[in-house]
Amino acid sequence: MSKCKLKVSRPWIGRYLRSELAATYRKVKPIQVIQNYAAAKLQRQFAAAKFIEVMHRGHRIIDIDESVIRYTDHRQHGWVSKN
């Protein structure tokens, strides 16, 4: 079985995120204090474990990070799900 190497452009990814995932490209806001509470940290750890589990099964994942930690990420905009 041969492996296919697919090269995809940034504009194509943007169109895919808009049409298939109903995502929009918006201004990034810093995370809130509540997002650093223990419950929120546990939720992120659980999500990371699921992420690794799905990748281990051979699925491909497009990660859309909807948060930013002030002073470590200098992005002005990011993708956000409409749902």
PDB file of N, CA and C in Angstrom:
ATOM      1  N   MET A   1       0.837  -1.175   0.000  1.00  0.00           N
ATOM      2  CA  MET A   1       0.000   0.000   0.000  1.00  0.00           C
ATOM      3  C   MET A   1       0.888   1.248   0.000  1.00  0.00           C
ATOM      4  N   SER A   2       0.639   2.170  -0.891  1.00  0.00           N
ATOM      5  CA  SER A   2       1.459   3.384  -0.962  1.00  0.00           C
ATOM      6  C   SER A   2       0.832   4.498  -0.132  1.00  0.00           C
ATOM      7  N   LYS A   3       1.692   5.378   0.356  1.00  0.00           N
ATOM      8  CA  LYS A   3       1.213   6.512   1.155  1.00  0.00           C
ATOM      9  C   LYS A   3       1.072   7.726   0.254  1.00  0.00           C
ATOM     10  N   CYS A   4       0.017   8.470   0.476  1.00  0.00           N
ATOM     11  CA  CYS A   4      -0.252   9.670  -0.310  1.00  0.00           C
ATOM     12  C   CYS A   4       0.168  10.894   0.494  1.00  0.00           C
ATOM     13  N   LYS A   5       1.019  11.718  -0.071  1.00  0.00           N
ATOM     14  CA  LYS A   5       1.435  12.970   0.564  1.00  0.00           C
ATOM     15  C   LYS A   5       0.643  14.091  -0.094  1.00  0.00           C
ATOM     16  N   LEU A   6      -0.293  14.654   0.647  1.00  0.00           N
ATOM     17  CA  LEU A   6      -1.163  15.684   0.117  1.00  0.00           C
ATOM     18  C   LEU A   6      -0.702  17.045   0.617  1.00  0.00           C
ATOM     19  N   LYS A   7      -0.410  17.943  -0.291  1.00  0.00           N
ATOM     20  CA  LYS A   7      -0.019  19.305   0.078  1.00  0.00           C
ATOM     21  C   LYS A   7      -1.267  20.178  -0.009  1.00  0.00           C
ATOM     22  N   VAL A   8      -1.521  20.906   1.064  1.00  0.00           N
ATOM     23  CA  VAL A   8      -2.730  21.724   1.146  1.00  0.00           C
ATOM     24  C   VAL A   8      -2.322  23.162   1.454  1.00  0.00           C
ATOM     25  N   SER A   9      -2.932  24.106   0.753  1.00  0.00           N
ATOM     26  CA  SER A   9      -2.601  25.515   0.963  1.00  0.00           C
ATOM     27  C   SER A   9      -3.400  26.104   2.129  1.00  0.00           C
ATOM     28  N   ARG A  10      -2.914  27.205   2.675  1.00  0.00           N
ATOM     29  CA  ARG A  10      -3.624  27.895   3.755  1.00  0.00           C
ATOM     30  C   ARG A  10      -5.021  28.341   3.330  1.00  0.00           C
ATOM     31  N   PRO A  11      -5.181  28.932   2.138  1.00  0.00           N
ATOM     32  CA  PRO A  11      -6.535  29.328   1.723  1.00  0.00           C
ATOM     33  C   PRO A  11      -7.495  28.134   1.651  1.00  0.00           C
ATOM     34  N   TRP A  12      -7.002  26.972   1.218  1.00  0.00           N
ATOM     35  CA  TRP A  12      -7.868  25.795   1.153  1.00  0.00           C
ATOM     36  C   TRP A  12      -8.318  25.389   2.552  1.00  0.00           C
ATOM     37  N   ILE A  13      -7.391  25.425   3.512  1.00  0.00           N
ATOM     38  CA  ILE A  13      -7.744  25.081   4.895  1.00  0.00           C
ATOM     39  C   ILE A  13      -8.782  26.062   5.425  1.00  0.00           C
ATOM     40  N   GLY A  14      -8.617  27.339   5.129  1.00  0.00           N
ATOM     41  CA  GLY A  14      -9.593  28.344   5.548  1.00  0.00           C
ATOM     42  C   GLY A  14     -10.973  28.078   4.968  1.00  0.00           C
ATOM     43  N   ARG A  15     -11.038  27.746   3.689  1.00  0.00           N
ATOM     44  CA  ARG A  15     -12.330  27.427   3.064  1.00  0.00           C
ATOM     45  C   ARG A  15     -12.956  26.198   3.711  1.00  0.00           C
ATOM     46  N   TYR A  16     -12.123  25.191   3.994  1.00  0.00           N
ATOM     47  CA  TYR A  16     -12.620  23.973   4.636  1.00  0.00           C
ATOM     48  C   TYR A  16     -13.183  24.288   6.022  1.00  0.00           C
ATOM     49  N   LEU A  17     -12.445  25.062   6.810  1.00  0.00           N
ATOM     50  CA  LEU A  17     -12.904  25.406   8.161  1.00  0.00           C
ATOM     51  C   LEU A  17     -14.221  26.178   8.119  1.00  0.00           C
ATOM     52  N   ARG A  18     -14.363  27.081   7.130  1.00  0.00           N
ATOM     53  CA  ARG A  18     -15.612  27.842   7.012  1.00  0.00           C
ATOM     54  C   ARG A  18     -16.783  26.972   6.557  1.00  0.00           C
ATOM     55  N   SER A  19     -16.582  26.197   5.514  1.00  0.00           N
ATOM     56  CA  SER A  19     -17.698  25.456   4.917  1.00  0.00           C
ATOM     57  C   SER A  19     -18.057  24.175   5.664  1.00  0.00           C
ATOM     58  N   GLU A  20     -17.078  23.399   6.071  1.00  0.00           N
ATOM     59  CA  GLU A  20     -17.359  22.105   6.694  1.00  0.00           C
ATOM     60  C   GLU A  20     -17.509  22.169   8.209  1.00  0.00           C
ATOM     61  N   LEU A  21     -16.774  23.054   8.869  1.00  0.00           N
ATOM     62  CA  LEU A  21     -16.798  23.113  10.328  1.00  0.00           C
ATOM     63  C   LEU A  21     -17.525  24.341  10.854  1.00  0.00           C
ATOM     64  N   ALA A  22     -18.036  25.181   9.951  1.00  0.00           N
ATOM     65  CA  ALA A  22     -18.758  26.396  10.325  1.00  0.00           C
ATOM     66  C   ALA A  22     -17.939  27.248  11.296  1.00  0.00           C
ATOM     67  N   ALA A  23     -16.661  27.423  10.999  1.00  0.00           N
ATOM     68  CA  ALA A  23     -15.782  28.219  11.854  1.00  0.00           C
ATOM     69  C   ALA A  23     -15.573  29.594  11.230  1.00  0.00           C
ATOM     70  N   THR A  24     -15.277  30.569  12.076  1.00  0.00           N
ATOM     71  CA  THR A  24     -14.981  31.910  11.600  1.00  0.00           C
ATOM     72  C   THR A  24     -13.614  32.330  12.118  1.00  0.00           C
ATOM     73  N   TYR A  25     -13.025  33.301  11.451  1.00  0.00           N
ATOM     74  CA  TYR A  25     -11.699  33.802  11.809  1.00  0.00           C
ATOM     75  C   TYR A  25     -11.906  35.110  12.556  1.00  0.00           C
ATOM     76  N   ARG A  26     -11.664  35.099  13.870  1.00  0.00           N
ATOM     77  CA  ARG A  26     -11.965  36.255  14.710  1.00  0.00           C
ATOM     78  C   ARG A  26     -10.758  36.718  15.507  1.00  0.00           C
ATOM     79  N   LYS A  27     -10.907  37.891  16.101  1.00  0.00           N
ATOM     80  CA  LYS A  27      -9.861  38.453  16.958  1.00  0.00           C
ATOM     81  C   LYS A  27      -9.715  37.587  18.205  1.00  0.00           C
ATOM     82  N   VAL A  28      -8.488  37.266  18.587  1.00  0.00           N
ATOM     83  CA  VAL A  28      -8.196  36.411  19.729  1.00  0.00           C
ATOM     84  C   VAL A  28      -8.318  37.222  21.022  1.00  0.00           C
ATOM     85  N   LYS A  29      -8.951  36.608  22.023  1.00  0.00           N
ATOM     86  CA  LYS A  29      -9.091  37.228  23.336  1.00  0.00           C
ATOM     87  C   LYS A  29      -8.291  36.410  24.351  1.00  0.00           C
ATOM     88  N   PRO A  30      -7.683  37.072  25.346  1.00  0.00           N
ATOM     89  CA  PRO A  30      -6.939  36.310  26.362  1.00  0.00           C
ATOM     90  C   PRO A  30      -7.873  35.452  27.209  1.00  0.00           C
ATOM     91  N   ILE A  31      -7.325  34.373  27.793  1.00  0.00           N
ATOM     92  CA  ILE A  31      -8.140  33.501  28.638  1.00  0.00           C
ATOM     93  C   ILE A  31      -8.530  34.227  29.920  1.00  0.00           C
ATOM     94  N   GLN A  32      -9.618  33.799  30.527  1.00  0.00           N
ATOM     95  CA  GLN A  32     -10.118  34.390  31.755  1.00  0.00           C
ATOM     96  C   GLN A  32      -9.528  33.665  32.962  1.00  0.00           C
ATOM     97  N   VAL A  33      -9.622  34.276  34.136  1.00  0.00           N
ATOM     98  CA  VAL A  33      -9.111  33.688  35.374  1.00  0.00           C
ATOM     99  C   VAL A  33      -9.776  32.342  35.645  1.00  0.00           C
ATOM    100  N   ILE A  34     -11.074  32.244  35.363  1.00  0.00           N
ATOM    101  CA  ILE A  34     -11.827  31.006  35.634  1.00  0.00           C
ATOM    102  C   ILE A  34     -11.251  29.816  34.862  1.00  0.00           C
ATOM    103  N   GLN A  35     -10.592  30.079  33.749  1.00  0.00           N
ATOM    104  CA  GLN A  35     -10.041  28.992  32.937  1.00  0.00           C
ATOM    105  C   GLN A  35      -8.793  28.375  33.556  1.00  0.00           C
ATOM    106  N   ASN A  36      -8.286  28.953  34.626  1.00  0.00           N
ATOM    107  CA  ASN A  36      -7.134  28.378  35.315  1.00  0.00           C
ATOM    108  C   ASN A  36      -7.518  27.680  36.612  1.00  0.00           C
ATOM    109  N   TYR A  37      -8.810  27.565  36.897  1.00  0.00           N
ATOM    110  CA  TYR A  37      -9.261  26.818  38.074  1.00  0.00           C
ATOM    111  C   TYR A  37      -9.032  25.323  37.844  1.00  0.00           C
ATOM    112  N   ALA A  38      -8.994  24.562  38.928  1.00  0.00           N
ATOM    113  CA  ALA A  38      -8.703  23.118  38.860  1.00  0.00           C
ATOM    114  C   ALA A  38      -9.647  22.377  37.916  1.00  0.00           C
ATOM    115  N   ALA A  39     -10.953  22.685  37.984  1.00  0.00           N
ATOM    116  CA  ALA A  39     -11.923  21.984  37.128  1.00  0.00           C
ATOM    117  C   ALA A  39     -11.618  22.210  35.647  1.00  0.00           C
ATOM    118  N   ALA A  40     -11.262  23.431  35.290  1.00  0.00           N
ATOM    119  CA  ALA A  40     -10.945  23.737  33.897  1.00  0.00           C
ATOM    120  C   ALA A  40      -9.672  23.013  33.465  1.00  0.00           C
ATOM    121  N   LYS A  41      -8.688  22.958  34.356  1.00  0.00           N
ATOM    122  CA  LYS A  41      -7.443  22.252  34.040  1.00  0.00           C
ATOM    123  C   LYS A  41      -7.694  20.764  33.842  1.00  0.00           C
ATOM    124  N   LEU A  42      -8.565  20.173  34.668  1.00  0.00           N
ATOM    125  CA  LEU A  42      -8.912  18.755  34.513  1.00  0.00           C
ATOM    126  C   LEU A  42      -9.622  18.502  33.194  1.00  0.00           C
ATOM    127  N   GLN A  43     -10.501  19.416  32.809  1.00  0.00           N
ATOM    128  CA  GLN A  43     -11.193  19.276  31.525  1.00  0.00           C
ATOM    129  C   GLN A  43     -10.198  19.315  30.373  1.00  0.00           C
ATOM    130  N   ARG A  44      -9.210  20.198  30.453  1.00  0.00           N
ATOM    131  CA  ARG A  44      -8.198  20.266  29.394  1.00  0.00           C
ATOM    132  C   ARG A  44      -7.361  18.995  29.349  1.00  0.00           C
ATOM    133  N   GLN A  45      -7.040  18.440  30.530  1.00  0.00           N
ATOM    134  CA  GLN A  45      -6.278  17.186  30.564  1.00  0.00           C
ATOM    135  C   GLN A  45      -7.089  16.042  29.959  1.00  0.00           C
ATOM    136  N   PHE A  46      -8.382  15.998  30.265  1.00  0.00           N
ATOM    137  CA  PHE A  46      -9.253  14.964  29.709  1.00  0.00           C
ATOM    138  C   PHE A  46      -9.327  15.107  28.187  1.00  0.00           C
ATOM    139  N   ALA A  47      -9.486  16.346  27.717  1.00  0.00           N
ATOM    140  CA  ALA A  47      -9.547  16.589  26.274  1.00  0.00           C
ATOM    141  C   ALA A  47      -8.242  16.176  25.598  1.00  0.00           C
ATOM    142  N   ALA A  48      -7.109  16.465  26.228  1.00  0.00           N
ATOM    143  CA  ALA A  48      -5.813  16.074  25.666  1.00  0.00           C
ATOM    144  C   ALA A  48      -5.689  14.552  25.582  1.00  0.00           C
ATOM    145  N   ALA A  49      -6.173  13.852  26.622  1.00  0.00           N
ATOM    146  CA  ALA A  49      -6.123  12.385  26.616  1.00  0.00           C
ATOM    147  C   ALA A  49      -6.967  11.832  25.468  1.00  0.00           C
ATOM    148  N   LYS A  50      -8.158  12.398  25.258  1.00  0.00           N
ATOM    149  CA  LYS A  50      -9.022  11.963  24.148  1.00  0.00           C
ATOM    150  C   LYS A  50      -8.359  12.259  22.805  1.00  0.00           C
ATOM    151  N   PHE A  51      -7.731  13.413  22.707  1.00  0.00           N
ATOM    152  CA  PHE A  51      -7.025  13.822  21.500  1.00  0.00           C
ATOM    153  C   PHE A  51      -5.975  12.774  21.134  1.00  0.00           C
ATOM    154  N   ILE A  52      -5.178  12.380  22.106  1.00  0.00           N
ATOM    155  CA  ILE A  52      -4.121  11.381  21.887  1.00  0.00           C
ATOM    156  C   ILE A  52      -4.733  10.024  21.524  1.00  0.00           C
ATOM    157  N   GLU A  53      -5.807   9.657  22.198  1.00  0.00           N
ATOM    158  CA  GLU A  53      -6.481   8.384  21.927  1.00  0.00           C
ATOM    159  C   GLU A  53      -6.981   8.331  20.483  1.00  0.00           C
ATOM    160  N   VAL A  54      -7.609   9.392  20.019  1.00  0.00           N
ATOM    161  CA  VAL A  54      -8.135   9.438  18.652  1.00  0.00           C
ATOM    162  C   VAL A  54      -6.997   9.403  17.637  1.00  0.00           C
ATOM    163  N   MET A  55      -5.922  10.134  17.911  1.00  0.00           N
ATOM    164  CA  MET A  55      -4.778  10.116  16.998  1.00  0.00           C
ATOM    165  C   MET A  55      -4.144   8.733  16.950  1.00  0.00           C
ATOM    166  N   HIS A  56      -4.087   8.050  18.081  1.00  0.00           N
ATOM    167  CA  HIS A  56      -3.510   6.712  18.136  1.00  0.00           C
ATOM    168  C   HIS A  56      -4.309   5.734  17.279  1.00  0.00           C
ATOM    169  N   ARG A  57      -5.615   5.990  17.139  1.00  0.00           N
ATOM    170  CA  ARG A  57      -6.460   5.132  16.297  1.00  0.00           C
ATOM    171  C   ARG A  57      -6.275   5.421  14.806  1.00  0.00           C
ATOM    172  N   GLY A  58      -5.455   6.422  14.484  1.00  0.00           N
ATOM    173  CA  GLY A  58      -5.160   6.702  13.081  1.00  0.00           C
ATOM    174  C   GLY A  58      -5.963   7.829  12.474  1.00  0.00           C
ATOM    175  N   HIS A  59      -6.747   8.529  13.260  1.00  0.00           N
ATOM    176  CA  HIS A  59      -7.540   9.641  12.738  1.00  0.00           C
ATOM    177  C   HIS A  59      -6.665  10.888  12.626  1.00  0.00           C
ATOM    178  N   ARG A  60      -7.029  11.755  11.696  1.00  0.00           N
ATOM    179  CA  ARG A  60      -6.353  13.040  11.563  1.00  0.00           C
ATOM    180  C   ARG A  60      -7.192  14.091  12.263  1.00  0.00           C
ATOM    181  N   ILE A  61      -6.530  15.020  12.916  1.00  0.00           N
ATOM    182  CA  ILE A  61      -7.232  16.028  13.698  1.00  0.00           C
ATOM    183  C   ILE A  61      -6.762  17.408  13.267  1.00  0.00           C
ATOM    184  N   ILE A  62      -7.725  18.314  13.055  1.00  0.00           N
ATOM    185  CA  ILE A  62      -7.407  19.721  12.845  1.00  0.00           C
ATOM    186  C   ILE A  62      -7.737  20.411  14.158  1.00  0.00           C
ATOM    187  N   ASP A  63      -6.721  20.897  14.825  1.00  0.00           N
ATOM    188  CA  ASP A  63      -6.897  21.527  16.131  1.00  0.00           C
ATOM    189  C   ASP A  63      -7.130  23.020  15.944  1.00  0.00           C
ATOM    190  N   ILE A  64      -8.260  23.492  16.434  1.00  0.00           N
ATOM    191  CA  ILE A  64      -8.570  24.910  16.391  1.00  0.00           C
ATOM    192  C   ILE A  64      -8.508  25.415  17.822  1.00  0.00           C
ATOM    193  N   ASP A  65      -7.444  26.090  18.153  1.00  0.00           N
ATOM    194  CA  ASP A  65      -7.254  26.590  19.512  1.00  0.00           C
ATOM    195  C   ASP A  65      -8.009  27.901  19.655  1.00  0.00           C
ATOM    196  N   GLU A  66      -8.951  27.948  20.588  1.00  0.00           N
ATOM    197  CA  GLU A  66      -9.794  29.117  20.758  1.00  0.00           C
ATOM    198  C   GLU A  66      -9.348  30.002  21.916  1.00  0.00           C
ATOM    199  N   SER A  67      -8.197  29.732  22.490  1.00  0.00           N
ATOM    200  CA  SER A  67      -7.724  30.537  23.618  1.00  0.00           C
ATOM    201  C   SER A  67      -6.298  30.993  23.373  1.00  0.00           C
ATOM    202  N   VAL A  68      -5.896  31.945  24.157  1.00  0.00           N
ATOM    203  CA  VAL A  68      -4.534  32.440  24.074  1.00  0.00           C
ATOM    204  C   VAL A  68      -4.087  32.822  25.484  1.00  0.00           C
ATOM    205  N   ILE A  69      -2.850  32.509  25.804  1.00  0.00           N
ATOM    206  CA  ILE A  69      -2.298  32.928  27.082  1.00  0.00           C
ATOM    207  C   ILE A  69      -1.523  34.217  26.818  1.00  0.00           C
ATOM    208  N   ARG A  70      -1.906  35.265  27.494  1.00  0.00           N
ATOM    209  CA  ARG A  70      -1.302  36.581  27.254  1.00  0.00           C
ATOM    210  C   ARG A  70       0.221  36.519  27.391  1.00  0.00           C
ATOM    211  N   TYR A  71       0.897  37.214  26.518  1.00  0.00           N
ATOM    212  CA  TYR A  71       2.349  37.369  26.495  1.00  0.00           C
ATOM    213  C   TYR A  71       3.105  36.154  25.960  1.00  0.00           C
ATOM    214  N   THR A  72       2.464  35.043  25.665  1.00  0.00           N
ATOM    215  CA  THR A  72       3.187  33.917  25.087  1.00  0.00           C
ATOM    216  C   THR A  72       2.735  33.618  23.674  1.00  0.00           C
ATOM    217  N   ASP A  73       1.623  34.176  23.268  1.00  0.00           N
ATOM    218  CA  ASP A  73       1.087  33.940  21.933  1.00  0.00           C
ATOM    219  C   ASP A  73       0.758  35.300  21.326  1.00  0.00           C
ATOM    220  N   HIS A  74       1.364  35.603  20.207  1.00  0.00           N
ATOM    221  CA  HIS A  74       1.203  36.930  19.634  1.00  0.00           C
ATOM    222  C   HIS A  74       0.249  36.951  18.450  1.00  0.00           C
ATOM    223  N   ARG A  75      -0.604  35.925  18.360  1.00  0.00           N
ATOM    224  CA  ARG A  75      -1.585  35.906  17.276  1.00  0.00           C
ATOM    225  C   ARG A  75      -2.600  37.025  17.476  1.00  0.00           C
ATOM    226  N   GLN A  76      -3.038  37.618  16.391  1.00  0.00           N
ATOM    227  CA  GLN A  76      -4.080  38.640  16.456  1.00  0.00           C
ATOM    228  C   GLN A  76      -5.463  38.039  16.228  1.00  0.00           C
ATOM    229  N   HIS A  77      -5.511  36.961  15.415  1.00  0.00           N
ATOM    230  CA  HIS A  77      -6.782  36.320  15.068  1.00  0.00           C
ATOM    231  C   HIS A  77      -6.634  34.807  15.152  1.00  0.00           C
ATOM    232  N   GLY A  78      -7.759  34.113  15.280  1.00  0.00           N
ATOM    233  CA  GLY A  78      -7.767  32.651  15.321  1.00  0.00           C
ATOM    234  C   GLY A  78      -9.122  32.117  14.893  1.00  0.00           C
ATOM    235  N   TRP A  79      -9.199  30.829  14.638  1.00  0.00           N
ATOM    236  CA  TRP A  79     -10.436  30.196  14.194  1.00  0.00           C
ATOM    237  C   TRP A  79     -11.311  29.859  15.388  1.00  0.00           C
ATOM    238  N   VAL A  80     -12.603  30.141  15.271  1.00  0.00           N
ATOM    239  CA  VAL A  80     -13.580  29.901  16.342  1.00  0.00           C
ATOM    240  C   VAL A  80     -14.785  29.200  15.746  1.00  0.00           C
ATOM    241  N   SER A  81     -15.241  28.134  16.410  1.00  0.00           N
ATOM    242  CA  SER A  81     -16.433  27.421  15.962  1.00  0.00           C
ATOM    243  C   SER A  81     -17.674  28.252  16.235  1.00  0.00           C
ATOM    244  N   LYS A  82     -18.618  28.260  15.308  1.00  0.00           N
ATOM    245  CA  LYS A  82     -19.874  28.989  15.496  1.00  0.00           C
ATOM    246  C   LYS A  82     -20.799  28.262  16.464  1.00  0.00           C
ATOM    247  N   ASN A  83     -20.572  26.984  16.659  1.00  0.00           N
ATOM    248  CA  ASN A  83     -21.486  26.193  17.493  1.00  0.00           C
ATOM    249  C   ASN A  83     -21.234  26.398  18.945  1.00  0.00           C
TER     250      ASN A  83
END
